[in-house]
Amino acid sequence: MSEAPTDTLDARLALNRTLLRVVQAGDLAAAKECLKAGADAWFESDEQDGLGWSALHLAVVANSPELLQFLLQRGAIWNA
């Protein structure tokens, strides 16, 4: 099995981190664009990013039921 090129992995990681930032800002439209571009709704930040929170955690902090519903519909893990 061949491995994905590093630049592809780096791009996906950057996209996932962008998703976390836009969810934290409460930006539903930008979150939709991130997922459309290939971000993972289930992605959790690593220790380098802070608390190890998922997009769902950040949607709660942003007080955005719309983002919560959207992320759950797109595969976010609710019991992580």
N, C-alpha and C. Protein backbone atom coordinates (compact mmCIF):
# COMPACT_ATOMS: atom_id res chain seq x y z
N MET A 1 0.85 -1.17 0.00
CA MET A 1 0.00 0.00 0.00
C MET A 1 0.89 1.24 0.00
N SER A 2 0.67 2.12 -0.93
CA SER A 2 1.49 3.32 -1.00
C SER A 2 0.95 4.40 -0.07
N GLU A 3 1.84 5.24 0.38
CA GLU A 3 1.45 6.32 1.29
C GLU A 3 1.17 7.58 0.50
N ALA A 4 0.30 8.41 1.04
CA ALA A 4 -0.02 9.69 0.39
C ALA A 4 1.19 10.60 0.47
N PRO A 5 1.39 11.42 -0.54
CA PRO A 5 2.49 12.38 -0.49
C PRO A 5 2.35 13.30 0.72
N THR A 6 3.48 13.71 1.26
CA THR A 6 3.48 14.56 2.44
C THR A 6 2.70 15.84 2.21
N ASP A 7 2.81 16.44 1.03
CA ASP A 7 2.10 17.69 0.78
C ASP A 7 0.59 17.50 0.85
N THR A 8 0.10 16.33 0.45
CA THR A 8 -1.33 16.04 0.54
C THR A 8 -1.75 15.92 2.00
N LEU A 9 -0.95 15.25 2.80
CA LEU A 9 -1.25 15.12 4.23
C LEU A 9 -1.19 16.47 4.92
N ASP A 10 -0.18 17.26 4.58
CA ASP A 10 -0.06 18.60 5.17
C ASP A 10 -1.24 19.47 4.78
N ALA A 11 -1.69 19.36 3.54
CA ALA A 11 -2.83 20.16 3.08
C ALA A 11 -4.10 19.75 3.81
N ARG A 12 -4.28 18.46 4.01
CA ARG A 12 -5.48 17.99 4.72
C ARG A 12 -5.46 18.43 6.18
N LEU A 13 -4.30 18.35 6.81
CA LEU A 13 -4.16 18.81 8.19
C LEU A 13 -4.46 20.30 8.29
N ALA A 14 -3.94 21.07 7.34
CA ALA A 14 -4.21 22.51 7.33
C ALA A 14 -5.69 22.79 7.15
N LEU A 15 -6.35 22.04 6.29
CA LEU A 15 -7.78 22.21 6.06
C LEU A 15 -8.57 21.86 7.32
N ASN A 16 -8.19 20.79 8.00
CA ASN A 16 -8.86 20.41 9.24
C ASN A 16 -8.66 21.47 10.32
N ARG A 17 -7.48 22.02 10.41
CA ARG A 17 -7.23 23.08 11.39
C ARG A 17 -8.02 24.34 11.04
N THR A 18 -8.16 24.61 9.75
CA THR A 18 -9.00 25.74 9.32
C THR A 18 -10.44 25.51 9.75
N LEU A 19 -10.92 24.28 9.59
CA LEU A 19 -12.28 23.96 10.04
C LEU A 19 -12.45 24.30 11.51
N LEU A 20 -11.50 23.91 12.34
CA LEU A 20 -11.60 24.21 13.77
C LEU A 20 -11.66 25.71 14.02
N ARG A 21 -10.86 26.47 13.29
CA ARG A 21 -10.85 27.93 13.49
C ARG A 21 -12.18 28.56 13.09
N VAL A 22 -12.75 28.14 11.96
CA VAL A 22 -14.00 28.77 11.51
C VAL A 22 -15.17 28.34 12.39
N VAL A 23 -15.14 27.10 12.89
CA VAL A 23 -16.19 26.67 13.82
C VAL A 23 -16.08 27.46 15.11
N GLN A 24 -14.87 27.64 15.60
CA GLN A 24 -14.67 28.42 16.82
C GLN A 24 -15.21 29.85 16.65
N ALA A 25 -15.11 30.38 15.44
CA ALA A 25 -15.62 31.72 15.15
C ALA A 25 -17.13 31.71 14.90
N GLY A 26 -17.73 30.52 14.83
CA GLY A 26 -19.17 30.42 14.59
C GLY A 26 -19.58 30.64 13.15
N ASP A 27 -18.67 30.41 12.22
CA ASP A 27 -18.92 30.69 10.80
C ASP A 27 -19.40 29.43 10.07
N LEU A 28 -20.72 29.27 10.01
CA LEU A 28 -21.32 28.09 9.38
C LEU A 28 -20.98 28.00 7.90
N ALA A 29 -21.05 29.11 7.19
CA ALA A 29 -20.77 29.10 5.75
C ALA A 29 -19.34 28.63 5.48
N ALA A 30 -18.39 29.12 6.25
CA ALA A 30 -16.99 28.72 6.06
C ALA A 30 -16.80 27.25 6.45
N ALA A 31 -17.50 26.78 7.48
CA ALA A 31 -17.42 25.37 7.86
C ALA A 31 -17.93 24.48 6.73
N LYS A 32 -19.02 24.89 6.10
CA LYS A 32 -19.55 24.13 4.96
C LYS A 32 -18.52 24.06 3.84
N GLU A 33 -17.84 25.17 3.57
CA GLU A 33 -16.82 25.19 2.53
C GLU A 33 -15.65 24.27 2.88
N CYS A 34 -15.24 24.28 4.14
CA CYS A 34 -14.15 23.40 4.56
C CYS A 34 -14.50 21.93 4.35
N LEU A 35 -15.71 21.55 4.75
CA LEU A 35 -16.11 20.15 4.58
C LEU A 35 -16.29 19.81 3.11
N LYS A 36 -16.78 20.75 2.34
CA LYS A 36 -16.91 20.54 0.89
C LYS A 36 -15.53 20.32 0.25
N ALA A 37 -14.52 21.00 0.80
CA ALA A 37 -13.16 20.89 0.27
C ALA A 37 -12.43 19.65 0.77
N GLY A 38 -13.05 18.92 1.72
CA GLY A 38 -12.45 17.67 2.16
C GLY A 38 -12.03 17.60 3.62
N ALA A 39 -12.37 18.60 4.42
CA ALA A 39 -12.05 18.54 5.85
C ALA A 39 -12.85 17.42 6.49
N ASP A 40 -12.37 16.94 7.61
CA ASP A 40 -13.01 15.84 8.33
C ASP A 40 -13.82 16.39 9.51
N ALA A 41 -15.13 16.14 9.52
CA ALA A 41 -16.00 16.64 10.60
C ALA A 41 -15.59 16.07 11.95
N TRP A 42 -14.96 14.91 11.96
CA TRP A 42 -14.58 14.24 13.20
C TRP A 42 -13.21 14.65 13.72
N PHE A 43 -12.51 15.50 13.00
CA PHE A 43 -11.13 15.87 13.35
C PHE A 43 -11.05 16.49 14.75
N GLU A 44 -10.04 16.08 15.52
CA GLU A 44 -9.75 16.68 16.82
C GLU A 44 -8.37 17.29 16.76
N SER A 45 -8.22 18.45 17.38
CA SER A 45 -6.91 19.08 17.42
C SER A 45 -5.96 18.23 18.24
N ASP A 46 -4.70 18.35 17.93
CA ASP A 46 -3.70 17.65 18.73
C ASP A 46 -3.23 18.59 19.84
N GLU A 47 -2.35 18.10 20.66
CA GLU A 47 -1.87 18.92 21.78
C GLU A 47 -1.25 20.22 21.31
N GLN A 48 -0.65 20.21 20.15
CA GLN A 48 -0.01 21.41 19.61
C GLN A 48 -1.04 22.51 19.36
N ASP A 49 -2.27 22.13 19.07
CA ASP A 49 -3.32 23.09 18.79
C ASP A 49 -4.03 23.59 20.04
N GLY A 50 -3.83 22.97 21.15
CA GLY A 50 -4.52 23.42 22.34
C GLY A 50 -5.03 22.29 23.21
N LEU A 51 -6.33 22.16 23.30
CA LEU A 51 -6.95 21.28 24.27
C LEU A 51 -7.31 19.90 23.75
N GLY A 52 -7.10 19.63 22.49
CA GLY A 52 -7.50 18.36 21.92
C GLY A 52 -8.99 18.30 21.65
N TRP A 53 -9.59 19.44 21.40
CA TRP A 53 -11.03 19.53 21.16
C TRP A 53 -11.38 19.24 19.72
N SER A 54 -12.60 18.78 19.54
CA SER A 54 -13.14 18.56 18.20
C SER A 54 -13.92 19.79 17.76
N ALA A 55 -14.36 19.76 16.52
CA ALA A 55 -15.20 20.85 16.01
C ALA A 55 -16.49 20.95 16.82
N LEU A 56 -17.02 19.81 17.29
CA LEU A 56 -18.23 19.84 18.11
C LEU A 56 -18.01 20.61 19.41
N HIS A 57 -16.89 20.37 20.07
CA HIS A 57 -16.58 21.12 21.29
C HIS A 57 -16.58 22.62 20.99
N LEU A 58 -15.94 22.98 19.90
CA LEU A 58 -15.82 24.39 19.56
C LEU A 58 -17.16 25.00 19.15
N ALA A 59 -18.02 24.21 18.53
CA ALA A 59 -19.36 24.70 18.18
C ALA A 59 -20.18 24.99 19.43
N VAL A 60 -19.99 24.17 20.47
CA VAL A 60 -20.67 24.43 21.74
C VAL A 60 -20.17 25.74 22.34
N VAL A 61 -18.86 25.91 22.37
CA VAL A 61 -18.27 27.14 22.90
C VAL A 61 -18.74 28.35 22.11
N ALA A 62 -18.91 28.19 20.80
CA ALA A 62 -19.38 29.28 19.94
C ALA A 62 -20.89 29.50 20.08
N ASN A 63 -21.56 28.64 20.87
CA ASN A 63 -23.00 28.74 21.09
C ASN A 63 -23.77 28.72 19.77
N SER A 64 -23.44 27.71 18.95
CA SER A 64 -24.03 27.62 17.62
C SER A 64 -24.72 26.27 17.41
N PRO A 65 -26.02 26.19 17.72
CA PRO A 65 -26.75 24.95 17.46
C PRO A 65 -26.75 24.57 15.99
N GLU A 66 -26.71 25.56 15.11
CA GLU A 66 -26.69 25.29 13.67
C GLU A 66 -25.42 24.55 13.28
N LEU A 67 -24.29 25.01 13.81
CA LEU A 67 -23.02 24.33 13.53
C LEU A 67 -23.03 22.92 14.12
N LEU A 68 -23.55 22.78 15.33
CA LEU A 68 -23.63 21.45 15.94
C LEU A 68 -24.42 20.49 15.06
N GLN A 69 -25.58 20.90 14.64
CA GLN A 69 -26.42 20.04 13.80
C GLN A 69 -25.72 19.72 12.49
N PHE A 70 -25.13 20.72 11.87
CA PHE A 70 -24.43 20.51 10.60
C PHE A 70 -23.29 19.50 10.76
N LEU A 71 -22.47 19.68 11.78
CA LEU A 71 -21.33 18.79 11.99
C LEU A 71 -21.77 17.36 12.28
N LEU A 72 -22.82 17.21 13.07
CA LEU A 72 -23.34 15.87 13.35
C LEU A 72 -23.86 15.21 12.08
N GLN A 73 -24.53 15.98 11.24
CA GLN A 73 -25.03 15.43 9.97
C GLN A 73 -23.89 15.02 9.05
N ARG A 74 -22.73 15.62 9.22
CA ARG A 74 -21.59 15.35 8.36
C ARG A 74 -20.60 14.36 8.96
N GLY A 75 -20.98 13.73 10.09
CA GLY A 75 -20.15 12.65 10.62
C GLY A 75 -19.31 12.96 11.83
N ALA A 76 -19.52 14.11 12.46
CA ALA A 76 -18.79 14.40 13.69
C ALA A 76 -19.15 13.36 14.74
N ILE A 77 -18.19 12.99 15.54
CA ILE A 77 -18.39 11.96 16.56
C ILE A 77 -18.89 12.63 17.83
N TRP A 78 -20.12 12.33 18.21
CA TRP A 78 -20.76 13.03 19.32
C TRP A 78 -20.32 12.53 20.69
N ASN A 79 -19.81 11.32 20.78
CA ASN A 79 -19.45 10.77 22.09
C ASN A 79 -17.95 10.59 22.27
N ALA A 80 -17.19 11.38 21.57
CA ALA A 80 -15.73 11.26 21.66
C ALA A 80 -15.20 11.96 22.90
